[in-house]
Protein backbone atom coordinates (compact mmCIF):
# COMPACT_ATOMS: atom_id res chain seq x y z
CA MET A 1 -2.43 34.54 -8.28
CA SER A 2 -3.70 36.97 -10.93
CA GLU A 3 -4.91 35.89 -14.36
CA ALA A 4 -1.93 37.60 -15.94
CA ALA A 5 0.40 35.54 -13.78
CA ARG A 6 -1.42 32.37 -14.71
CA THR A 7 -1.43 33.03 -18.44
CA PRO A 8 1.69 34.99 -19.39
CA GLU A 9 2.49 36.01 -22.92
CA LEU A 10 3.87 32.97 -24.69
CA PRO A 11 5.78 32.63 -27.95
CA ASP A 12 3.87 30.97 -30.76
CA GLU A 13 5.51 27.65 -29.94
CA PRO A 14 7.38 27.56 -26.63
CA ASP A 15 10.22 25.11 -26.13
CA VAL A 16 8.70 22.18 -24.21
CA SER A 17 11.56 19.72 -24.68
CA GLY A 18 12.50 19.87 -21.02
CA LEU A 19 8.99 19.53 -19.59
CA VAL A 20 7.87 16.40 -17.75
CA THR A 21 4.60 15.37 -19.37
CA GLU A 22 4.47 11.79 -18.05
CA ASP A 23 5.37 11.09 -14.44
CA ASP A 24 3.98 7.55 -13.99
CA ARG A 25 1.53 8.82 -11.39
CA GLY A 26 -1.34 6.36 -11.14
CA VAL A 27 -4.98 7.11 -10.43
CA GLU A 28 -6.13 6.59 -6.86
CA SER A 29 -8.57 3.70 -7.32
CA ILE A 30 -10.04 1.21 -9.79
CA PHE A 31 -13.39 2.98 -9.54
CA GLN A 32 -11.80 6.30 -10.45
CA ALA A 33 -10.14 4.74 -13.49
CA LYS A 34 -13.41 3.20 -14.63
CA GLN A 35 -15.30 6.43 -13.97
CA MET A 36 -12.90 8.31 -16.21
CA ALA A 37 -13.21 5.57 -18.83
CA ILE A 38 -17.01 5.57 -18.93
CA LEU A 39 -16.98 9.32 -19.62
CA THR A 40 -14.34 9.32 -22.36
CA GLU A 41 -15.60 6.08 -23.94
CA ALA A 42 -19.16 7.36 -24.30
CA LEU A 43 -17.91 10.50 -26.04
CA GLY A 44 -15.83 8.44 -28.45
CA VAL A 45 -18.74 6.13 -29.24
CA SER A 46 -21.71 8.50 -29.27
CA TRP A 47 -20.39 11.97 -30.19
CA PRO A 48 -22.23 13.40 -33.23
CA GLU A 49 -20.33 12.96 -36.48
CA GLY A 50 -18.83 16.00 -38.13
CA ARG A 51 -18.18 17.95 -34.93
CA PRO A 52 -14.50 17.86 -33.90
CA PHE A 53 -13.58 17.39 -30.26
CA VAL A 54 -10.91 15.98 -28.00
CA SER A 55 -11.48 14.17 -24.74
CA MET A 56 -8.67 13.14 -22.42
CA SER A 57 -8.32 11.58 -18.98
CA ASP A 58 -5.46 12.08 -16.54
CA VAL A 59 -3.48 14.16 -19.08
CA GLY A 60 -1.55 17.30 -18.20
CA LEU A 61 -3.25 20.61 -18.99
CA PHE A 62 -0.44 23.14 -19.50
CA TYR A 63 -1.54 26.77 -19.15
CA ALA A 64 2.01 28.15 -19.00
CA VAL A 65 5.34 26.71 -20.10
CA LYS A 66 6.16 25.19 -16.73
CA GLU A 67 2.75 25.23 -15.07
CA ALA A 68 0.23 22.44 -15.43
CA ILE A 69 -2.72 20.80 -13.75
CA VAL A 70 -3.99 17.28 -14.40
CA PRO A 71 -7.79 17.05 -14.61
CA ASP A 72 -9.33 13.62 -14.36
CA VAL A 73 -11.32 14.30 -17.56
CA LEU A 74 -11.25 17.20 -19.99
CA LEU A 75 -13.37 17.98 -23.03
CA SER A 76 -12.55 20.53 -25.71
CA VAL A 77 -14.94 21.13 -28.60
CA GLY A 78 -14.10 22.50 -32.03
CA VAL A 79 -10.49 21.24 -31.98
CA ASP A 80 -8.79 18.17 -33.41
CA TYR A 81 -6.13 15.83 -32.14
CA PRO A 82 -2.65 16.80 -33.37
CA PRO A 83 -1.29 15.11 -36.51
CA ASN A 84 1.49 13.35 -34.61
CA GLY A 85 0.64 12.81 -30.97
CA HIS A 86 4.01 11.22 -30.21
CA GLU A 87 5.84 14.51 -30.63
CA LYS A 88 6.72 16.11 -27.30
CA LYS A 89 4.81 19.27 -28.10
CA TYR A 90 1.58 17.30 -28.56
CA ARG A 91 1.75 14.84 -25.64
CA SER A 92 -0.29 16.99 -23.28
CA TYR A 93 -3.04 19.56 -23.61
CA PHE A 94 -0.94 22.66 -24.27
CA ILE A 95 -3.36 25.58 -24.42
CA TRP A 96 -1.15 27.38 -26.97
CA GLN A 97 -1.28 24.36 -29.30
CA PHE A 98 -5.05 23.84 -29.12
CA GLY A 99 -5.72 27.56 -29.12
CA LYS A 100 -8.10 27.56 -26.14
CA PRO A 101 -8.62 26.10 -22.68
CA PRO A 102 -10.80 23.00 -22.50
CA ASP A 103 -14.52 23.71 -22.45
CA LEU A 104 -15.12 21.47 -19.46
CA VAL A 105 -13.02 19.67 -16.87
CA ILE A 106 -14.10 17.03 -14.36
CA GLU A 107 -12.45 16.12 -11.09
CA ILE A 108 -13.38 12.84 -9.36
CA VAL A 109 -12.89 13.12 -5.61
CA SER A 110 -11.19 10.12 -4.00
CA ASN A 111 -9.99 11.61 -0.69
CA ARG A 112 -9.95 14.85 1.28
CA GLU A 113 -6.55 15.95 0.00
CA GLY A 114 -7.24 16.70 -3.67
CA ASP A 115 -7.94 20.44 -3.31
CA GLU A 116 -10.89 20.19 -5.72
CA LEU A 117 -12.71 23.12 -4.10
CA THR A 118 -9.63 25.23 -3.35
CA ARG A 119 -6.43 25.12 -5.43
CA LYS A 120 -7.88 23.33 -8.45
CA PHE A 121 -11.03 25.46 -8.35
CA GLN A 122 -8.89 28.60 -8.39
CA THR A 123 -6.63 27.33 -11.16
CA TYR A 124 -9.44 26.35 -13.54
CA GLN A 125 -11.15 29.65 -12.82
CA GLU A 126 -8.03 31.67 -13.56
CA ILE A 127 -7.21 29.88 -16.81
CA ARG A 128 -10.87 30.42 -17.77
CA VAL A 129 -12.19 26.90 -18.24
CA PRO A 130 -15.92 27.57 -18.92
CA TYR A 131 -17.26 24.61 -16.90
CA TYR A 132 -15.81 22.86 -13.86
CA VAL A 133 -17.43 19.67 -12.51
CA VAL A 134 -16.63 18.02 -9.17
CA PHE A 135 -17.96 14.47 -8.70
CA ASP A 136 -17.73 13.34 -5.08
CA PRO A 137 -19.29 9.84 -4.96
CA GLU A 138 -18.13 9.09 -1.40
CA HIS A 139 -19.05 12.55 -0.06
CA PHE A 140 -15.60 13.50 1.14
CA LEU A 141 -16.41 17.18 0.55
CA GLY A 142 -19.98 17.24 1.85
CA GLN A 143 -23.39 15.71 1.32
CA ARG A 144 -23.66 16.43 -2.41
CA SER A 145 -22.27 14.03 -4.98
CA LEU A 146 -22.14 16.55 -7.80
CA ARG A 147 -21.16 20.20 -8.06
CA ILE A 148 -21.09 22.06 -11.38
CA TYR A 149 -19.59 25.51 -11.82
CA GLN A 150 -19.89 27.90 -14.77
CA LEU A 151 -17.56 30.78 -15.50
CA SER A 152 -19.37 34.10 -15.20
CA GLY A 153 -17.06 36.99 -15.92
CA ALA A 154 -13.86 36.15 -14.05
CA SER A 155 -15.46 33.93 -11.40
CA TYR A 156 -17.22 30.60 -11.11
CA VAL A 157 -20.85 30.45 -10.07
CA GLU A 158 -22.60 27.20 -9.28
CA LYS A 159 -25.04 25.96 -11.90
CA VAL A 160 -28.52 24.89 -10.85
CA ASP A 161 -28.92 22.56 -13.83
CA ARG A 162 -26.72 19.90 -15.42
CA TYR A 163 -26.93 20.89 -19.09
CA PHE A 164 -24.23 22.61 -21.16
CA PRO A 165 -25.97 24.17 -24.18
CA GLU A 166 -22.78 25.16 -25.99
CA LEU A 167 -21.61 21.55 -25.89
CA GLY A 168 -24.94 19.87 -26.59
CA LEU A 169 -24.32 17.68 -23.55
CA GLY A 170 -25.62 17.15 -20.06
CA LEU A 171 -24.55 15.14 -17.05
CA THR A 172 -26.53 12.81 -14.82
CA LEU A 173 -25.97 10.33 -12.02
CA TRP A 174 -26.78 6.80 -13.16
CA ARG A 175 -26.85 3.58 -11.17
CA GLY A 176 -25.76 0.44 -12.97
CA THR A 177 -22.81 -1.77 -13.84
CA TYR A 178 -19.89 -0.94 -16.10
CA ASP A 179 -16.93 -2.97 -17.33
CA GLY A 180 -17.32 -5.73 -14.76
CA TRP A 181 -17.67 -3.37 -11.80
CA SER A 182 -20.52 -4.17 -9.42
CA GLU A 183 -23.57 -1.91 -9.44
CA ASP A 184 -22.63 1.62 -8.44
CA GLU A 185 -23.46 5.26 -9.07
CA TRP A 186 -21.69 6.71 -12.09
CA LEU A 187 -21.41 10.15 -13.62
CA ARG A 188 -22.68 9.87 -17.22
CA TRP A 189 -23.11 12.12 -20.22
CA THR A 190 -26.56 12.75 -21.68
CA ASN A 191 -27.68 14.16 -25.03
CA PRO A 192 -29.99 17.22 -25.34
CA ALA A 193 -33.01 14.92 -24.88
CA GLY A 194 -31.64 13.71 -21.55
CA GLU A 195 -30.78 10.25 -22.87
CA LEU A 196 -27.54 8.56 -21.85
CA LEU A 197 -24.66 8.65 -24.30
CA ALA A 198 -24.03 4.97 -24.90
CA THR A 199 -20.79 3.21 -24.14
CA GLY A 200 -19.44 0.71 -26.65
CA GLU A 201 -21.11 -2.25 -24.95
CA GLU A 202 -24.41 -0.38 -24.74
CA ALA A 203 -24.21 0.67 -28.40
CA VAL A 204 -23.61 -2.94 -29.47
CA ALA A 205 -26.49 -4.13 -27.28
CA ALA A 206 -28.78 -1.45 -28.72
CA GLN A 207 -27.79 -2.41 -32.27
CA ARG A 208 -28.43 -6.07 -31.45
CA ASN A 209 -31.83 -5.18 -29.98
CA ARG A 210 -32.71 -3.19 -33.10
CA ALA A 211 -31.68 -6.13 -35.28
CA ASP A 212 -33.74 -8.49 -33.11
CA SER A 213 -36.73 -6.14 -33.31
CA GLU A 214 -36.37 -5.88 -37.09
CA ARG A 215 -36.21 -9.65 -37.36
CA ASP A 216 -39.27 -9.99 -35.14
CA ARG A 217 -41.13 -7.48 -37.33
CA ALA A 218 -40.11 -9.39 -40.45
CA ASP A 219 -41.22 -12.68 -38.84
CA ALA A 220 -44.56 -11.11 -37.85
CA GLU A 221 -45.04 -9.74 -41.36
CA ARG A 222 -44.27 -13.15 -42.83
CA ASP A 223 -46.74 -14.76 -40.41
CA ARG A 224 -49.39 -12.23 -41.43
CA ALA A 225 -48.68 -12.94 -45.10
CA ASP A 226 -48.92 -16.69 -44.46
CA ALA A 227 -52.19 -16.23 -42.59
CA GLU A 228 -53.58 -14.09 -45.41
CA ARG A 229 -52.55 -16.69 -47.97
CA ASP A 230 -54.21 -19.41 -45.88
CA ARG A 231 -57.40 -17.33 -45.70
CA ALA A 232 -57.31 -16.76 -49.46
CA ASP A 233 -56.79 -20.49 -50.07
CA ALA A 234 -59.68 -21.32 -47.73
CA GLU A 235 -61.90 -18.80 -49.49
CA ARG A 236 -60.96 -20.20 -52.89
CA ARG A 237 -61.75 -23.74 -51.73
CA ARG A 238 -65.07 -22.58 -50.31
CA CYS A 239 -65.95 -20.92 -53.61
CA GLU A 240 -64.93 -24.04 -55.54
CA GLU A 241 -67.03 -26.24 -53.25
CA LEU A 242 -69.98 -23.86 -53.60
CA GLU A 243 -69.68 -23.85 -57.40
CA ALA A 244 -69.49 -27.64 -57.41
CA ARG A 245 -72.59 -27.82 -55.23
CA LEU A 246 -74.46 -25.47 -57.55
CA ARG A 247 -73.53 -27.56 -60.57
CA GLU A 248 -74.81 -30.66 -58.82
CA LEU A 249 -78.10 -28.95 -58.04
CA GLU A 250 -78.45 -27.67 -61.60
CA GLY A 251 -77.63 -31.12 -62.98
CA GLY A 252 -80.06 -32.85 -60.65
């Protein structure tokens, strides 16, 4: 389908009252739900202040009045959440409301029937999503766990790196535990220095560690001050004893 067919001319605010934006379709697995959560949670916790963004999981992305696709995770930078998200016209990511496609979408592969490298690939390419990420932890689509595509002209080309300079973000594969799930390999955001964007639990733990370190430094400083005071007291006593000895010798 051509780009023009995918993105027809739309009125400033199309009538969406008859659209189905919630269909009670569940995600395929607990892991997939947690994988989506670790990505959106880290953005909510660790995104730099003062830079607007929206991040959504399993929410319809409408690129035409009656045409939508549902990415597992989407990120759009430089936009804000609508003032009243309960209104029908704000319940999904309507491109005409946000003024742009998302900057990045992620699909998490859970079977061989999701069309991540065919239909979805073509759709995201035609609606001009700058970055498309396919995470395939169980290797349903091949030997690679991660594929990242960047829009170049009208077509996607595969990226050789995992950093998105316009977003100030990167992606990495990280092995660990999250939200009670046993150790596994997760797709995680990184900052420009390559450090993981912390989840809420990690941020609290880091803050606690900083507080513990500060307390340890304060305790060490107090111990040093006590030791210095003890040395000063010992030196004063030595001087007093020496003066007393000298007086005895002079008096003798």
